[in-house]
Amino acid sequence: MAAKIGTSARAVIVRLTIGSFSVAALMGVAALLSGGSFGRTEGRVLLTTLLVGVASVAVLCYLATAGTSFQTVGVAGGVTVAVPVVTGLLLIWADLGSGPQDAAGRTFGAGTTVAATLAQACLLLVLGARGRPTLRGLLAGTLVLASVLAVALSVVIVAQDDPPSGVLRGMGVVAILDVLGTVVVSALSRFGPQAGAVSLSVPAGMVASIDAVRGGRSRDDVLKDAIESWLSDHRASTDLRPGGAGPRS
């Protein structure tokens, strides 16, 4: 099992993500406000800003799985997103020949498709994995549809062949169902009934204490372990009393 990303590592990733996009954003603003004609260099700077911004959003989606059992999906996304970033920068700044440019374009398209699908999967897993069985089933179905669509799009991009009309129609149906599933899972996870879940109000001082000891685990996991430990001790103390009587009055 892969080691969970700790709080300090997550903080570093967040700072790097914010810092890289801040630099790209400043470059974009400078290109727009520099005056003079809007030329090729300015266009490249703005495309770089857009590329880094989208990649930064994707990284934050992957980071949402840190400290959970789905962290492997987030790590896979973090590795995959490097492909469209590198090839995108090559396409923007390098004067490639027709052959290398075509190969880089196909790699960029397929990498973007896979990276976006993994970002979608990370968000859905974090939102819906603890829902009711029906919601978890819908989540699984949506992830299957997203995977099928990602594979089909990647094949079309890499092969650069015009697929038959029936294949395109099928991909369109899968895409619509994928979006529908994503919307429903997101809405029900946030606003729908939970499977026996309750909300707990934790004082701010206790939250700080939890963060100091939880390591790579989520706050929910720490609270769950604490409650289970208390219940176990309570049952043990109850069973040790004569006659196994109920809780003390």
Protein backbone atom coordinates (compact mmCIF):
# COMPACT_ATOMS: atom_id res chain seq x y z
CA MET A 1 0.00 0.00 0.00
CA ALA A 2 1.37 3.35 -0.95
CA ALA A 3 2.26 5.71 1.89
CA LYS A 4 -0.25 8.45 2.41
CA ILE A 5 0.72 12.01 1.58
CA GLY A 6 1.33 13.92 4.79
CA THR A 7 0.08 17.36 5.69
CA SER A 8 3.47 18.98 5.01
CA ALA A 9 3.73 17.37 1.57
CA ARG A 10 0.25 18.57 0.67
CA ALA A 11 1.15 22.08 1.79
CA VAL A 12 4.23 22.04 -0.44
CA ILE A 13 2.20 20.86 -3.46
CA VAL A 14 -0.42 23.55 -2.86
CA ARG A 15 2.26 26.26 -2.60
CA LEU A 16 3.98 25.07 -5.76
CA THR A 17 0.66 24.96 -7.62
CA ILE A 18 -0.34 28.45 -6.50
CA GLY A 19 3.14 29.82 -7.11
CA SER A 20 3.47 28.40 -10.63
CA PHE A 21 0.10 29.74 -11.71
CA SER A 22 0.80 33.10 -10.07
CA VAL A 23 3.96 33.44 -12.15
CA ALA A 24 2.11 32.41 -15.31
CA ALA A 25 -0.72 34.84 -14.51
CA LEU A 26 1.73 37.72 -14.01
CA MET A 27 3.32 36.88 -17.36
CA GLY A 28 -0.10 36.97 -19.00
CA VAL A 29 -0.99 40.32 -17.43
CA ALA A 30 2.36 41.76 -18.44
CA ALA A 31 1.85 40.57 -22.01
CA LEU A 32 -1.55 42.25 -22.19
CA LEU A 33 -0.43 45.53 -20.60
CA SER A 34 2.97 45.85 -22.27
CA GLY A 35 1.60 48.04 -25.03
CA GLY A 36 2.45 47.87 -28.69
CA SER A 37 1.16 45.31 -31.13
CA PHE A 38 -0.13 41.96 -29.96
CA GLY A 39 2.30 39.59 -31.60
CA ARG A 40 3.30 35.96 -31.58
CA THR A 41 5.22 36.13 -28.31
CA GLU A 42 2.29 37.67 -26.46
CA GLY A 43 0.02 34.95 -27.80
CA ARG A 44 2.43 32.28 -26.61
CA VAL A 45 2.55 33.82 -23.15
CA LEU A 46 -1.24 33.83 -22.86
CA LEU A 47 -1.48 30.22 -24.04
CA THR A 48 1.13 29.28 -21.45
CA THR A 49 -0.91 31.02 -18.75
CA LEU A 50 -4.01 29.11 -19.82
CA LEU A 51 -2.15 25.79 -19.89
CA VAL A 52 -0.61 26.26 -16.44
CA GLY A 53 -3.94 27.45 -15.02
CA VAL A 54 -5.86 24.40 -16.23
CA ALA A 55 -3.08 22.09 -15.02
CA SER A 56 -3.17 23.79 -11.61
CA VAL A 57 -6.90 23.15 -11.27
CA ALA A 58 -6.32 19.50 -12.19
CA VAL A 59 -3.58 19.16 -9.56
CA LEU A 60 -5.93 20.49 -6.88
CA CYS A 61 -8.48 17.86 -7.94
CA TYR A 62 -5.87 15.14 -7.56
CA LEU A 63 -4.81 16.53 -4.20
CA ALA A 64 -8.36 16.12 -2.89
CA THR A 65 -7.66 12.37 -2.55
CA ALA A 66 -4.62 12.89 -0.28
CA GLY A 67 -4.97 10.98 2.96
CA THR A 68 -7.78 8.80 1.62
CA SER A 69 -7.92 5.27 0.29
CA PHE A 70 -8.18 6.74 -3.24
CA GLN A 71 -4.82 8.49 -3.08
CA THR A 72 -3.38 6.20 -5.77
CA VAL A 73 -5.81 7.71 -8.29
CA GLY A 74 -4.62 11.19 -7.36
CA VAL A 75 -0.97 10.19 -7.70
CA ALA A 76 -1.69 8.70 -11.12
CA GLY A 77 -3.33 11.96 -12.13
CA GLY A 78 -0.37 13.99 -10.89
CA VAL A 79 1.97 11.91 -13.03
CA THR A 80 -0.32 11.94 -16.08
CA VAL A 81 -0.90 15.70 -16.11
CA ALA A 82 2.82 16.20 -16.76
CA VAL A 83 2.30 14.78 -20.28
CA PRO A 84 -0.06 17.50 -21.59
CA VAL A 85 1.91 20.20 -19.76
CA VAL A 86 5.24 19.24 -21.35
CA THR A 87 3.83 18.59 -24.82
CA GLY A 88 1.69 21.71 -24.60
CA LEU A 89 4.73 23.85 -23.81
CA LEU A 90 6.55 22.28 -26.75
CA LEU A 91 3.66 23.05 -29.07
CA ILE A 92 3.46 26.64 -27.82
CA TRP A 93 7.14 27.59 -27.75
CA ALA A 94 9.09 25.17 -29.95
CA ASP A 95 9.18 25.49 -33.72
CA LEU A 96 8.66 21.81 -34.45
CA GLY A 97 8.60 20.25 -37.86
CA SER A 98 5.41 18.78 -39.24
CA GLY A 99 6.20 15.24 -38.05
CA PRO A 100 7.23 16.06 -34.45
CA GLN A 101 4.42 18.61 -34.18
CA ASP A 102 1.86 16.05 -35.23
CA ALA A 103 3.20 13.51 -32.72
CA ALA A 104 3.26 16.12 -29.95
CA GLY A 105 -0.29 17.18 -30.80
CA ARG A 106 -1.60 13.63 -30.56
CA THR A 107 0.24 13.04 -27.30
CA PHE A 108 -1.12 16.31 -25.92
CA GLY A 109 -4.69 15.38 -26.86
CA ALA A 110 -4.55 11.88 -25.39
CA GLY A 111 -2.73 13.08 -22.25
CA THR A 112 -5.27 15.83 -21.69
CA THR A 113 -8.14 13.36 -22.04
CA VAL A 114 -6.68 10.94 -19.49
CA ALA A 115 -5.65 13.71 -17.06
CA ALA A 116 -9.12 15.30 -17.16
CA THR A 117 -10.78 11.91 -16.60
CA LEU A 118 -8.58 11.23 -13.57
CA ALA A 119 -9.42 14.68 -12.16
CA GLN A 120 -13.12 13.89 -12.56
CA ALA A 121 -12.62 10.49 -10.90
CA CYS A 122 -10.80 12.03 -7.93
CA LEU A 123 -13.58 14.50 -7.22
CA LEU A 124 -16.32 11.89 -7.59
CA LEU A 125 -14.54 9.38 -5.36
CA VAL A 126 -14.02 11.93 -2.61
CA LEU A 127 -17.63 13.09 -2.85
CA GLY A 128 -19.57 9.87 -3.30
CA ALA A 129 -17.58 6.95 -1.94
CA ARG A 130 -19.20 7.16 1.51
CA GLY A 131 -22.75 7.62 0.30
CA ARG A 132 -25.61 5.17 0.30
CA PRO A 133 -25.26 1.91 -1.65
CA THR A 134 -27.40 3.31 -4.47
CA LEU A 135 -25.15 6.36 -4.75
CA ARG A 136 -22.03 4.21 -4.71
CA GLY A 137 -23.48 2.10 -7.51
CA LEU A 138 -24.18 5.22 -9.55
CA LEU A 139 -20.65 6.40 -8.80
CA ALA A 140 -19.18 3.14 -10.07
CA GLY A 141 -21.27 3.31 -13.23
CA THR A 142 -20.21 6.90 -13.89
CA LEU A 143 -16.55 6.02 -13.47
CA VAL A 144 -16.94 3.15 -15.93
CA LEU A 145 -18.56 5.47 -18.47
CA ALA A 146 -15.81 8.07 -17.97
CA SER A 147 -13.14 5.40 -18.49
CA VAL A 148 -14.79 4.08 -21.65
CA LEU A 149 -15.10 7.60 -23.05
CA ALA A 150 -11.46 8.42 -22.21
CA VAL A 151 -10.20 5.29 -23.95
CA ALA A 152 -12.36 5.89 -27.03
CA LEU A 153 -11.32 9.54 -27.33
CA SER A 154 -7.65 8.68 -26.86
CA VAL A 155 -7.81 6.04 -29.59
CA VAL A 156 -9.49 8.48 -31.99
CA ILE A 157 -6.91 11.19 -31.20
CA VAL A 158 -3.89 8.93 -31.55
CA ALA A 159 -5.14 7.09 -34.65
CA GLN A 160 -6.43 10.31 -36.26
CA ASP A 161 -8.94 8.30 -38.24
CA ASP A 162 -12.53 9.33 -38.78
CA PRO A 163 -14.57 6.73 -36.86
CA PRO A 164 -17.85 5.46 -38.29
CA SER A 165 -20.99 7.42 -37.60
CA GLY A 166 -22.25 4.72 -35.25
CA VAL A 167 -19.11 4.97 -33.12
CA LEU A 168 -19.45 8.74 -32.89
CA ARG A 169 -23.10 8.42 -31.87
CA GLY A 170 -22.17 5.85 -29.24
CA MET A 171 -19.45 8.10 -27.86
CA GLY A 172 -21.94 10.94 -27.70
CA VAL A 173 -24.38 8.82 -25.68
CA VAL A 174 -21.62 7.75 -23.31
CA ALA A 175 -20.51 11.37 -22.88
CA ILE A 176 -24.05 12.52 -22.06
CA LEU A 177 -24.56 9.71 -19.53
CA ASP A 178 -21.14 10.46 -18.05
CA VAL A 179 -22.04 14.11 -17.49
CA LEU A 180 -25.46 13.15 -16.11
CA GLY A 181 -23.90 10.71 -13.67
CA THR A 182 -21.33 13.29 -12.58
CA VAL A 183 -24.02 15.88 -11.89
CA VAL A 184 -26.27 13.45 -9.99
CA VAL A 185 -23.46 11.99 -7.88
CA SER A 186 -22.13 15.45 -7.03
CA ALA A 187 -25.57 16.80 -6.13
CA LEU A 188 -26.67 13.82 -4.03
CA SER A 189 -23.29 13.60 -2.28
CA ARG A 190 -23.51 17.22 -1.23
CA PHE A 191 -27.22 17.72 -0.66
CA GLY A 192 -28.79 14.25 -0.55
CA PRO A 193 -29.38 12.00 2.48
CA GLN A 194 -26.32 10.23 3.83
CA ALA A 195 -26.11 6.61 4.92
CA GLY A 196 -26.59 7.01 8.65
CA ALA A 197 -24.21 9.96 8.77
CA VAL A 198 -24.43 12.69 11.41
CA SER A 199 -22.69 16.03 11.72
CA LEU A 200 -20.43 16.78 14.66
CA SER A 201 -19.45 20.22 15.88
CA VAL A 202 -15.79 20.23 16.94
CA PRO A 203 -14.33 23.19 18.85
CA ALA A 204 -11.57 25.08 17.05
CA GLY A 205 -9.01 24.15 19.70
CA MET A 206 -9.79 20.46 19.26
CA VAL A 207 -9.48 20.79 15.47
CA ALA A 208 -5.95 22.13 15.92
CA SER A 209 -5.13 19.20 18.22
CA ILE A 210 -6.49 16.73 15.65
CA ASP A 211 -4.42 18.30 12.87
CA ALA A 212 -1.31 18.03 15.04
CA VAL A 213 -1.61 14.25 15.42
CA ARG A 214 -3.49 12.98 12.38
CA GLY A 215 -0.49 12.72 10.04
CA GLY A 216 -1.74 11.71 6.60
CA ARG A 217 -5.20 10.70 7.81
CA SER A 218 -8.30 12.78 7.33
CA ARG A 219 -10.06 14.44 10.26
CA ASP A 220 -13.06 12.16 9.73
CA ASP A 221 -10.85 9.08 10.07
CA VAL A 222 -9.29 10.38 13.29
CA LEU A 223 -12.71 11.14 14.82
CA LYS A 224 -14.04 7.77 13.70
CA ASP A 225 -11.12 5.95 15.35
CA ALA A 226 -11.55 7.96 18.54
CA ILE A 227 -15.27 7.20 18.75
CA GLU A 228 -14.73 3.51 18.04
CA SER A 229 -12.02 3.36 20.72
CA TRP A 230 -14.32 5.02 23.25
CA LEU A 231 -17.18 2.65 22.41
CA SER A 232 -14.86 -0.35 22.72
CA ASP A 233 -13.62 0.79 26.15
CA HIS A 234 -17.19 1.50 27.24
CA ARG A 235 -18.37 -1.97 26.22
CA ALA A 236 -15.40 -3.56 27.98
CA SER A 237 -16.05 -1.67 31.22
CA THR A 238 -19.74 -2.59 31.03
CA ASP A 239 -19.02 -6.28 30.50
CA LEU A 240 -16.65 -6.35 33.48
CA ARG A 241 -19.35 -5.16 35.89
CA PRO A 242 -21.25 -7.91 37.78
CA GLY A 243 -24.01 -9.34 35.65
CA GLY A 244 -22.92 -7.32 32.62
CA ALA A 245 -25.39 -4.63 33.58
CA GLY A 246 -26.13 -1.73 31.30
CA PRO A 247 -24.46 1.65 31.50
CA ARG A 248 -24.11 3.25 34.89
CA SER A 249 -26.75 5.79 35.79
